[in-house]
Amino acid sequence: MAETRRVSPAAPYPAPRRAAPPRTRTERTVLPVLVLGLVLNALALLRNAELTRADMLLGATVLLAGISLLVLMEVYRRTRR
């Protein structure tokens, strides 16, 4: 005789996502400064033809690090409780 298994009914819809917590005062201070620095860095890289190859590599590295920091800040903010 076959055994009957009871399965709990699945929710018809996934649980709603909770809103990210509001930014702290420090985040509201650091974010505009970081974005401004990234914009200035990008403008310097795009507009100045007198940069050496080393200057371009350093600027690109700083730009990549800044964008990574922005992403990490946002990921951390959304995973915080």
C-alpha atoms as a PDB file:
ATOM      1  CA  MET A   1       0.000   0.000   0.000  1.00  0.00           C
ATOM      2  CA  ALA A   2       1.387   3.397  -0.993  1.00  0.00           C
ATOM      3  CA  GLU A   3       2.180   5.871   1.708  1.00  0.00           C
ATOM      4  CA  THR A   4       0.429   9.263   1.496  1.00  0.00           C
ATOM      5  CA  ARG A   5       2.685  12.280   1.881  1.00  0.00           C
ATOM      6  CA  ARG A   6       1.376  15.583   3.063  1.00  0.00           C
ATOM      7  CA  VAL A   7       2.840  18.588   1.347  1.00  0.00           C
ATOM      8  CA  SER A   8       2.264  22.049   2.678  1.00  0.00           C
ATOM      9  CA  PRO A   9       0.753  24.300   0.033  1.00  0.00           C
ATOM     10  CA  ALA A  10       3.223  26.736  -1.465  1.00  0.00           C
ATOM     11  CA  ALA A  11       2.483  30.410  -1.315  1.00  0.00           C
ATOM     12  CA  PRO A  12       0.897  31.539  -4.587  1.00  0.00           C
ATOM     13  CA  TYR A  13       3.196  34.555  -4.797  1.00  0.00           C
ATOM     14  CA  PRO A  14       6.714  35.163  -3.535  1.00  0.00           C
ATOM     15  CA  ALA A  15       7.041  37.178  -0.365  1.00  0.00           C
ATOM     16  CA  PRO A  16       7.238  40.923  -0.998  1.00  0.00           C
ATOM     17  CA  ARG A  17      10.714  42.409  -0.822  1.00  0.00           C
ATOM     18  CA  ARG A  18      11.324  44.567   2.165  1.00  0.00           C
ATOM     19  CA  ALA A  19      12.461  48.098   1.552  1.00  0.00           C
ATOM     20  CA  ALA A  20      16.111  48.949   2.017  1.00  0.00           C
ATOM     21  CA  PRO A  21      16.820  50.805   5.242  1.00  0.00           C
ATOM     22  CA  PRO A  22      17.245  54.565   4.966  1.00  0.00           C
ATOM     23  CA  ARG A  23      20.746  55.887   4.409  1.00  0.00           C
ATOM     24  CA  THR A  24      22.717  56.920   7.454  1.00  0.00           C
ATOM     25  CA  ARG A  25      24.127  60.417   7.826  1.00  0.00           C
ATOM     26  CA  THR A  26      27.606  59.127   7.000  1.00  0.00           C
ATOM     27  CA  GLU A  27      26.338  57.482   3.816  1.00  0.00           C
ATOM     28  CA  ARG A  28      24.575  60.686   2.799  1.00  0.00           C
ATOM     29  CA  THR A  29      27.885  62.527   3.265  1.00  0.00           C
ATOM     30  CA  VAL A  30      30.200  60.017   1.580  1.00  0.00           C
ATOM     31  CA  LEU A  31      28.016  59.205  -1.434  1.00  0.00           C
ATOM     32  CA  PRO A  32      28.015  62.667  -3.103  1.00  0.00           C
ATOM     33  CA  VAL A  33      31.737  63.110  -2.445  1.00  0.00           C
ATOM     34  CA  LEU A  34      32.512  59.725  -3.981  1.00  0.00           C
ATOM     35  CA  VAL A  35      30.290  60.320  -7.007  1.00  0.00           C
ATOM     36  CA  LEU A  36      31.802  63.784  -7.553  1.00  0.00           C
ATOM     37  CA  GLY A  37      35.297  62.308  -7.396  1.00  0.00           C
ATOM     38  CA  LEU A  38      34.366  59.627  -9.913  1.00  0.00           C
ATOM     39  CA  VAL A  39      32.883  62.204 -12.289  1.00  0.00           C
ATOM     40  CA  LEU A  40      35.977  64.396 -12.060  1.00  0.00           C
ATOM     41  CA  ASN A  41      38.209  61.377 -12.598  1.00  0.00           C
ATOM     42  CA  ALA A  42      36.231  60.295 -15.660  1.00  0.00           C
ATOM     43  CA  LEU A  43      36.321  63.822 -17.092  1.00  0.00           C
ATOM     44  CA  ALA A  44      40.078  64.015 -16.611  1.00  0.00           C
ATOM     45  CA  LEU A  45      40.539  60.675 -18.338  1.00  0.00           C
ATOM     46  CA  LEU A  46      38.298  61.578 -21.264  1.00  0.00           C
ATOM     47  CA  ARG A  47      39.316  65.188 -21.890  1.00  0.00           C
ATOM     48  CA  ASN A  48      43.053  65.414 -21.318  1.00  0.00           C
ATOM     49  CA  ALA A  49      45.148  64.081 -24.206  1.00  0.00           C
ATOM     50  CA  GLU A  50      48.418  64.870 -22.417  1.00  0.00           C
ATOM     51  CA  LEU A  51      48.134  62.024 -19.947  1.00  0.00           C
ATOM     52  CA  THR A  52      50.820  59.355 -20.064  1.00  0.00           C
ATOM     53  CA  ARG A  53      49.980  55.673 -20.230  1.00  0.00           C
ATOM     54  CA  ALA A  54      50.760  55.329 -16.512  1.00  0.00           C
ATOM     55  CA  ASP A  55      48.390  58.225 -15.730  1.00  0.00           C
ATOM     56  CA  MET A  56      45.637  56.572 -17.741  1.00  0.00           C
ATOM     57  CA  LEU A  57      46.146  53.221 -15.994  1.00  0.00           C
ATOM     58  CA  LEU A  58      46.144  54.843 -12.563  1.00  0.00           C
ATOM     59  CA  GLY A  59      43.020  56.859 -13.375  1.00  0.00           C
ATOM     60  CA  ALA A  60      41.244  53.779 -14.699  1.00  0.00           C
ATOM     61  CA  THR A  61      42.216  51.818 -11.583  1.00  0.00           C
ATOM     62  CA  VAL A  62      40.887  54.554  -9.298  1.00  0.00           C
ATOM     63  CA  LEU A  63      37.683  54.745 -11.349  1.00  0.00           C
ATOM     64  CA  LEU A  64      37.172  50.985 -11.093  1.00  0.00           C
ATOM     65  CA  ALA A  65      37.863  51.029  -7.343  1.00  0.00           C
ATOM     66  CA  GLY A  66      35.361  53.856  -6.844  1.00  0.00           C
ATOM     67  CA  ILE A  67      32.630  52.101  -8.785  1.00  0.00           C
ATOM     68  CA  SER A  68      33.327  48.904  -6.827  1.00  0.00           C
ATOM     69  CA  LEU A  69      33.016  50.862  -3.583  1.00  0.00           C
ATOM     70  CA  LEU A  70      29.661  52.287  -4.685  1.00  0.00           C
ATOM     71  CA  VAL A  71      28.367  48.800  -5.490  1.00  0.00           C
ATOM     72  CA  LEU A  72      29.634  47.350  -2.208  1.00  0.00           C
ATOM     73  CA  MET A  73      28.061  50.194  -0.220  1.00  0.00           C
ATOM     74  CA  GLU A  74      24.689  49.548  -1.849  1.00  0.00           C
ATOM     75  CA  VAL A  75      24.891  45.761  -1.419  1.00  0.00           C
ATOM     76  CA  TYR A  76      25.802  46.153   2.260  1.00  0.00           C
ATOM     77  CA  ARG A  77      22.997  48.662   2.790  1.00  0.00           C
ATOM     78  CA  ARG A  78      20.417  46.296   1.309  1.00  0.00           C
ATOM     79  CA  THR A  79      21.592  43.273   3.308  1.00  0.00           C
ATOM     80  CA  ARG A  80      21.587  45.138   6.622  1.00  0.00           C
ATOM     81  CA  ARG A  81      18.686  44.553   8.957  1.00  0.00           C
END
